[in-house]
Amino acid sequence: MKTKRKKEIKLDKYEKQIEKDRLAGSFKNINEENSVIKKLQSMAKEQIKEKRINLRMNADDLKYFEMEAKRMGMAYQTLIGSVLHRYIHNQLIDVKEINKVTRKKVS
């Protein structure tokens, strides 16, 4: 039975440095990095407690949300969710009420 001789490959200076670093253990195993990333992604998903819903709304209102979302560079569903969140937490501003108050102060 013949034994195969390994063909010796000549490395340039850059490749020799890479091989030296590899043998010294300077490189991380990409699988370890991926597992850390997956763990962090899983933790992030646990923090975001979203639930899918179906919602009926006026077609003109939906069109408005779609146009505004496109202008803002986001999905219209995200915009609707944001508006609902701000409403629930009393963070929406009623422009008409502000105008009434500011006109009274200016007068």
N, C-alpha and C. Protein backbone atom coordinates (compact mmCIF):
# COMPACT_ATOMS: atom_id res chain seq x y z
N MET A 1 0.85 -1.17 0.00
CA MET A 1 0.00 0.00 0.00
C MET A 1 0.89 1.23 0.00
N LYS A 2 0.61 2.09 -0.91
CA LYS A 2 1.41 3.31 -1.02
C LYS A 2 0.87 4.37 -0.06
N THR A 3 1.77 5.11 0.55
CA THR A 3 1.35 6.23 1.39
C THR A 3 1.42 7.49 0.56
N LYS A 4 0.41 8.31 0.72
CA LYS A 4 0.36 9.56 -0.03
C LYS A 4 1.20 10.59 0.68
N ARG A 5 1.98 11.29 -0.08
CA ARG A 5 2.77 12.39 0.46
C ARG A 5 1.92 13.64 0.42
N LYS A 6 1.97 14.37 1.52
CA LYS A 6 1.26 15.65 1.54
C LYS A 6 2.03 16.63 0.68
N LYS A 7 1.29 17.31 -0.15
CA LYS A 7 1.90 18.31 -1.01
C LYS A 7 2.17 19.55 -0.16
N GLU A 8 3.38 19.98 -0.15
CA GLU A 8 3.75 21.13 0.65
C GLU A 8 3.33 22.41 -0.08
N ILE A 9 2.61 23.23 0.66
CA ILE A 9 2.11 24.47 0.08
C ILE A 9 2.99 25.61 0.59
N LYS A 10 3.40 26.44 -0.33
CA LYS A 10 4.20 27.59 0.06
C LYS A 10 3.27 28.75 0.40
N LEU A 11 3.45 29.30 1.60
CA LEU A 11 2.63 30.40 2.06
C LEU A 11 3.40 31.70 1.95
N ASP A 12 2.68 32.77 1.63
CA ASP A 12 3.34 34.09 1.65
C ASP A 12 3.37 34.59 3.09
N LYS A 13 3.94 35.76 3.29
CA LYS A 13 4.11 36.31 4.63
C LYS A 13 2.77 36.48 5.36
N TYR A 14 1.79 37.00 4.66
CA TYR A 14 0.46 37.22 5.23
C TYR A 14 -0.18 35.90 5.64
N GLU A 15 -0.10 34.90 4.77
CA GLU A 15 -0.69 33.60 5.05
C GLU A 15 0.03 32.90 6.21
N LYS A 16 1.34 33.08 6.30
CA LYS A 16 2.10 32.51 7.41
C LYS A 16 1.65 33.10 8.74
N GLN A 17 1.37 34.41 8.75
CA GLN A 17 0.91 35.06 9.97
C GLN A 17 -0.46 34.52 10.37
N ILE A 18 -1.32 34.33 9.40
CA ILE A 18 -2.65 33.76 9.68
C ILE A 18 -2.50 32.36 10.28
N GLU A 19 -1.64 31.54 9.69
CA GLU A 19 -1.43 30.18 10.19
C GLU A 19 -0.85 30.20 11.61
N LYS A 20 0.08 31.11 11.85
CA LYS A 20 0.67 31.25 13.18
C LYS A 20 -0.40 31.63 14.21
N ASP A 21 -1.26 32.59 13.85
CA ASP A 21 -2.33 33.02 14.74
C ASP A 21 -3.34 31.90 14.98
N ARG A 22 -3.61 31.12 13.94
CA ARG A 22 -4.56 30.00 14.06
C ARG A 22 -4.02 28.97 15.04
N LEU A 23 -2.75 28.64 14.92
CA LEU A 23 -2.14 27.65 15.79
C LEU A 23 -2.05 28.16 17.23
N ALA A 24 -1.92 29.47 17.39
CA ALA A 24 -1.84 30.06 18.74
C ALA A 24 -3.21 30.19 19.39
N GLY A 25 -4.27 29.90 18.63
CA GLY A 25 -5.63 29.98 19.19
C GLY A 25 -6.19 31.39 19.20
N SER A 26 -5.72 32.24 18.32
CA SER A 26 -6.17 33.63 18.28
C SER A 26 -7.56 33.79 17.66
N PHE A 27 -8.03 32.81 16.94
CA PHE A 27 -9.32 32.91 16.28
C PHE A 27 -10.40 32.26 17.14
N LYS A 28 -11.60 32.82 17.10
CA LYS A 28 -12.73 32.27 17.83
C LYS A 28 -13.50 31.34 16.92
N ASN A 29 -14.08 30.34 17.52
CA ASN A 29 -14.93 29.42 16.79
C ASN A 29 -16.23 30.13 16.44
N ILE A 30 -16.55 30.18 15.17
CA ILE A 30 -17.75 30.90 14.74
C ILE A 30 -19.01 30.29 15.32
N ASN A 31 -19.01 28.98 15.58
CA ASN A 31 -20.19 28.34 16.17
C ASN A 31 -20.45 28.86 17.57
N GLU A 32 -19.37 29.15 18.32
CA GLU A 32 -19.53 29.72 19.66
C GLU A 32 -20.15 31.12 19.55
N GLU A 33 -19.68 31.90 18.58
CA GLU A 33 -20.22 33.24 18.38
C GLU A 33 -21.70 33.17 18.00
N ASN A 34 -22.04 32.24 17.11
CA ASN A 34 -23.44 32.09 16.69
C ASN A 34 -24.33 31.71 17.86
N SER A 35 -23.84 30.86 18.76
CA SER A 35 -24.66 30.45 19.89
C SER A 35 -24.90 31.63 20.83
N VAL A 36 -23.90 32.49 20.99
CA VAL A 36 -24.06 33.68 21.82
C VAL A 36 -25.08 34.62 21.18
N ILE A 37 -24.98 34.80 19.87
CA ILE A 37 -25.92 35.66 19.14
C ILE A 37 -27.33 35.11 19.28
N LYS A 38 -27.50 33.81 19.10
CA LYS A 38 -28.83 33.20 19.21
C LYS A 38 -29.39 33.36 20.62
N LYS A 39 -28.54 33.23 21.63
CA LYS A 39 -29.00 33.39 23.01
C LYS A 39 -29.47 34.83 23.24
N LEU A 40 -28.70 35.80 22.73
CA LEU A 40 -29.08 37.21 22.89
C LEU A 40 -30.37 37.52 22.14
N GLN A 41 -30.52 36.96 20.94
CA GLN A 41 -31.75 37.16 20.18
C GLN A 41 -32.95 36.57 20.92
N SER A 42 -32.76 35.41 21.52
CA SER A 42 -33.83 34.78 22.28
C SER A 42 -34.23 35.64 23.48
N MET A 43 -33.23 36.19 24.17
CA MET A 43 -33.50 37.05 25.32
C MET A 43 -34.25 38.30 24.88
N ALA A 44 -33.87 38.87 23.73
CA ALA A 44 -34.53 40.07 23.22
C ALA A 44 -35.99 39.77 22.87
N LYS A 45 -36.23 38.62 22.26
CA LYS A 45 -37.60 38.25 21.89
C LYS A 45 -38.48 38.09 23.13
N GLU A 46 -37.89 37.59 24.22
CA GLU A 46 -38.65 37.44 25.46
C GLU A 46 -39.06 38.80 26.02
N GLN A 47 -38.23 39.81 25.80
CA GLN A 47 -38.53 41.14 26.31
C GLN A 47 -39.62 41.84 25.50
N ILE A 48 -39.70 41.51 24.23
CA ILE A 48 -40.71 42.12 23.36
C ILE A 48 -41.95 41.24 23.42
N LYS A 49 -42.92 41.69 24.15
CA LYS A 49 -44.13 40.88 24.32
C LYS A 49 -45.21 41.42 23.40
N GLU A 50 -45.11 41.06 22.15
CA GLU A 50 -46.09 41.49 21.16
C GLU A 50 -47.05 40.34 20.90
N LYS A 51 -48.24 40.73 20.53
CA LYS A 51 -49.25 39.74 20.19
C LYS A 51 -49.92 40.19 18.89
N ARG A 52 -50.13 39.24 18.02
CA ARG A 52 -50.77 39.52 16.74
C ARG A 52 -52.27 39.67 16.94
N ILE A 53 -52.85 40.71 16.30
CA ILE A 53 -54.29 40.93 16.39
C ILE A 53 -54.85 41.21 14.99
N ASN A 54 -56.14 41.07 14.87
CA ASN A 54 -56.86 41.50 13.67
C ASN A 54 -57.67 42.72 14.07
N LEU A 55 -57.71 43.71 13.20
CA LEU A 55 -58.35 44.97 13.55
C LEU A 55 -59.14 45.46 12.35
N ARG A 56 -60.37 45.85 12.58
CA ARG A 56 -61.17 46.47 11.53
C ARG A 56 -61.07 47.98 11.70
N MET A 57 -60.84 48.69 10.59
CA MET A 57 -60.80 50.14 10.66
C MET A 57 -61.27 50.75 9.36
N ASN A 58 -61.62 52.00 9.41
CA ASN A 58 -62.07 52.74 8.26
C ASN A 58 -60.98 52.69 7.17
N ALA A 59 -61.39 52.46 5.93
CA ALA A 59 -60.43 52.34 4.83
C ALA A 59 -59.62 53.61 4.63
N ASP A 60 -60.25 54.78 4.81
CA ASP A 60 -59.52 56.05 4.66
C ASP A 60 -58.47 56.22 5.77
N ASP A 61 -58.83 55.79 6.98
CA ASP A 61 -57.87 55.86 8.08
C ASP A 61 -56.68 54.95 7.82
N LEU A 62 -56.95 53.76 7.32
CA LEU A 62 -55.88 52.83 7.00
C LEU A 62 -54.97 53.41 5.91
N LYS A 63 -55.57 54.01 4.89
CA LYS A 63 -54.79 54.62 3.81
C LYS A 63 -53.89 55.72 4.37
N TYR A 64 -54.43 56.51 5.30
CA TYR A 64 -53.64 57.56 5.93
C TYR A 64 -52.44 56.97 6.69
N PHE A 65 -52.69 55.91 7.46
CA PHE A 65 -51.60 55.25 8.19
C PHE A 65 -50.55 54.72 7.22
N GLU A 66 -50.99 54.12 6.12
CA GLU A 66 -50.05 53.58 5.13
C GLU A 66 -49.19 54.69 4.53
N MET A 67 -49.81 55.82 4.19
CA MET A 67 -49.06 56.94 3.59
C MET A 67 -48.08 57.54 4.59
N GLU A 68 -48.54 57.75 5.83
CA GLU A 68 -47.67 58.33 6.86
C GLU A 68 -46.51 57.38 7.18
N ALA A 69 -46.80 56.11 7.28
CA ALA A 69 -45.76 55.13 7.58
C ALA A 69 -44.71 55.10 6.47
N LYS A 70 -45.18 55.15 5.23
CA LYS A 70 -44.25 55.15 4.10
C LYS A 70 -43.37 56.40 4.15
N ARG A 71 -43.97 57.55 4.46
CA ARG A 71 -43.21 58.79 4.57
C ARG A 71 -42.16 58.70 5.68
N MET A 72 -42.52 58.01 6.76
CA MET A 72 -41.62 57.87 7.90
C MET A 72 -40.64 56.71 7.75
N GLY A 73 -40.84 55.88 6.73
CA GLY A 73 -39.93 54.77 6.48
C GLY A 73 -40.15 53.59 7.41
N MET A 74 -41.40 53.31 7.72
CA MET A 74 -41.71 52.17 8.60
C MET A 74 -42.95 51.46 8.09
N ALA A 75 -43.20 50.30 8.65
CA ALA A 75 -44.40 49.55 8.30
C ALA A 75 -45.62 50.21 8.94
N TYR A 76 -46.74 50.21 8.25
CA TYR A 76 -47.93 50.86 8.79
C TYR A 76 -48.41 50.18 10.06
N GLN A 77 -48.17 48.87 10.18
CA GLN A 77 -48.57 48.17 11.39
C GLN A 77 -47.79 48.70 12.60
N THR A 78 -46.52 49.02 12.38
CA THR A 78 -45.68 49.56 13.45
C THR A 78 -46.20 50.93 13.87
N LEU A 79 -46.58 51.74 12.90
CA LEU A 79 -47.11 53.07 13.20
C LEU A 79 -48.41 52.96 13.99
N ILE A 80 -49.31 52.08 13.58
CA ILE A 80 -50.57 51.90 14.30
C ILE A 80 -50.28 51.45 15.73
N GLY A 81 -49.38 50.51 15.89
CA GLY A 81 -49.00 50.03 17.22
C GLY A 81 -48.43 51.15 18.08
N SER A 82 -47.62 52.01 17.46
CA SER A 82 -47.03 53.14 18.19
C SER A 82 -48.09 54.12 18.65
N VAL A 83 -49.03 54.43 17.77
CA VAL A 83 -50.12 55.36 18.12
C VAL A 83 -50.96 54.77 19.26
N LEU A 84 -51.29 53.50 19.17
CA LEU A 84 -52.07 52.86 20.23
C LEU A 84 -51.30 52.87 21.56
N HIS A 85 -50.02 52.59 21.49
CA HIS A 85 -49.20 52.59 22.70
C HIS A 85 -49.17 53.98 23.34
N ARG A 86 -48.97 55.01 22.52
CA ARG A 86 -48.95 56.38 23.05
C ARG A 86 -50.31 56.78 23.61
N TYR A 87 -51.39 56.33 22.98
CA TYR A 87 -52.73 56.63 23.48
C TYR A 87 -52.94 56.00 24.86
N ILE A 88 -52.58 54.73 24.97
CA ILE A 88 -52.76 54.01 26.24
C ILE A 88 -51.97 54.68 27.37
N HIS A 89 -50.78 55.18 27.04
CA HIS A 89 -49.92 55.79 28.06
C HIS A 89 -50.08 57.31 28.13
N ASN A 90 -51.18 57.79 27.58
CA ASN A 90 -51.53 59.21 27.64
C ASN A 90 -50.41 60.12 27.13
N GLN A 91 -49.83 59.72 26.01
CA GLN A 91 -48.73 60.49 25.44
C GLN A 91 -49.09 61.13 24.11
N LEU A 92 -50.32 61.00 23.68
CA LEU A 92 -50.74 61.65 22.44
C LEU A 92 -51.08 63.10 22.72
N ILE A 93 -50.78 63.96 21.77
CA ILE A 93 -51.04 65.39 21.93
C ILE A 93 -52.23 65.76 21.06
N ASP A 94 -53.21 66.43 21.65
CA ASP A 94 -54.37 66.91 20.91
C ASP A 94 -54.03 68.32 20.41
N VAL A 95 -53.74 68.42 19.14
CA VAL A 95 -53.31 69.70 18.55
C VAL A 95 -54.39 70.77 18.70
N LYS A 96 -55.64 70.39 18.55
CA LYS A 96 -56.74 71.38 18.69
C LYS A 96 -56.75 71.96 20.10
N GLU A 97 -56.56 71.13 21.10
CA GLU A 97 -56.55 71.62 22.49
C GLU A 97 -55.34 72.54 22.72
N ILE A 98 -54.20 72.19 22.17
CA ILE A 98 -53.01 73.04 22.33
C ILE A 98 -53.24 74.38 21.67
N ASN A 99 -53.84 74.36 20.48
CA ASN A 99 -54.12 75.63 19.79
C ASN A 99 -55.08 76.49 20.61
N LYS A 100 -56.10 75.88 21.22
CA LYS A 100 -57.03 76.63 22.05
C LYS A 100 -56.30 77.29 23.22
N VAL A 101 -55.45 76.52 23.88
CA VAL A 101 -54.73 77.02 25.05
C VAL A 101 -53.76 78.12 24.66
N THR A 102 -53.03 77.93 23.59
CA THR A 102 -52.04 78.93 23.20
C THR A 102 -52.72 80.21 22.71
N ARG A 103 -53.86 80.11 22.05
CA ARG A 103 -54.58 81.32 21.61
C ARG A 103 -55.09 82.11 22.80
N LYS A 104 -55.56 81.41 23.82
CA LYS A 104 -56.03 82.09 25.02
C LYS A 104 -54.90 82.82 25.73
N LYS A 105 -53.71 82.20 25.76
CA LYS A 105 -52.57 82.84 26.43
C LYS A 105 -52.05 84.03 25.63
N VAL A 106 -52.09 83.94 24.30
CA VAL A 106 -51.60 85.01 23.44
C VAL A 106 -52.54 86.20 23.48
N SER A 107 -53.85 85.96 23.54
CA SER A 107 -54.86 87.04 23.51
C SER A 107 -54.81 87.92 24.71
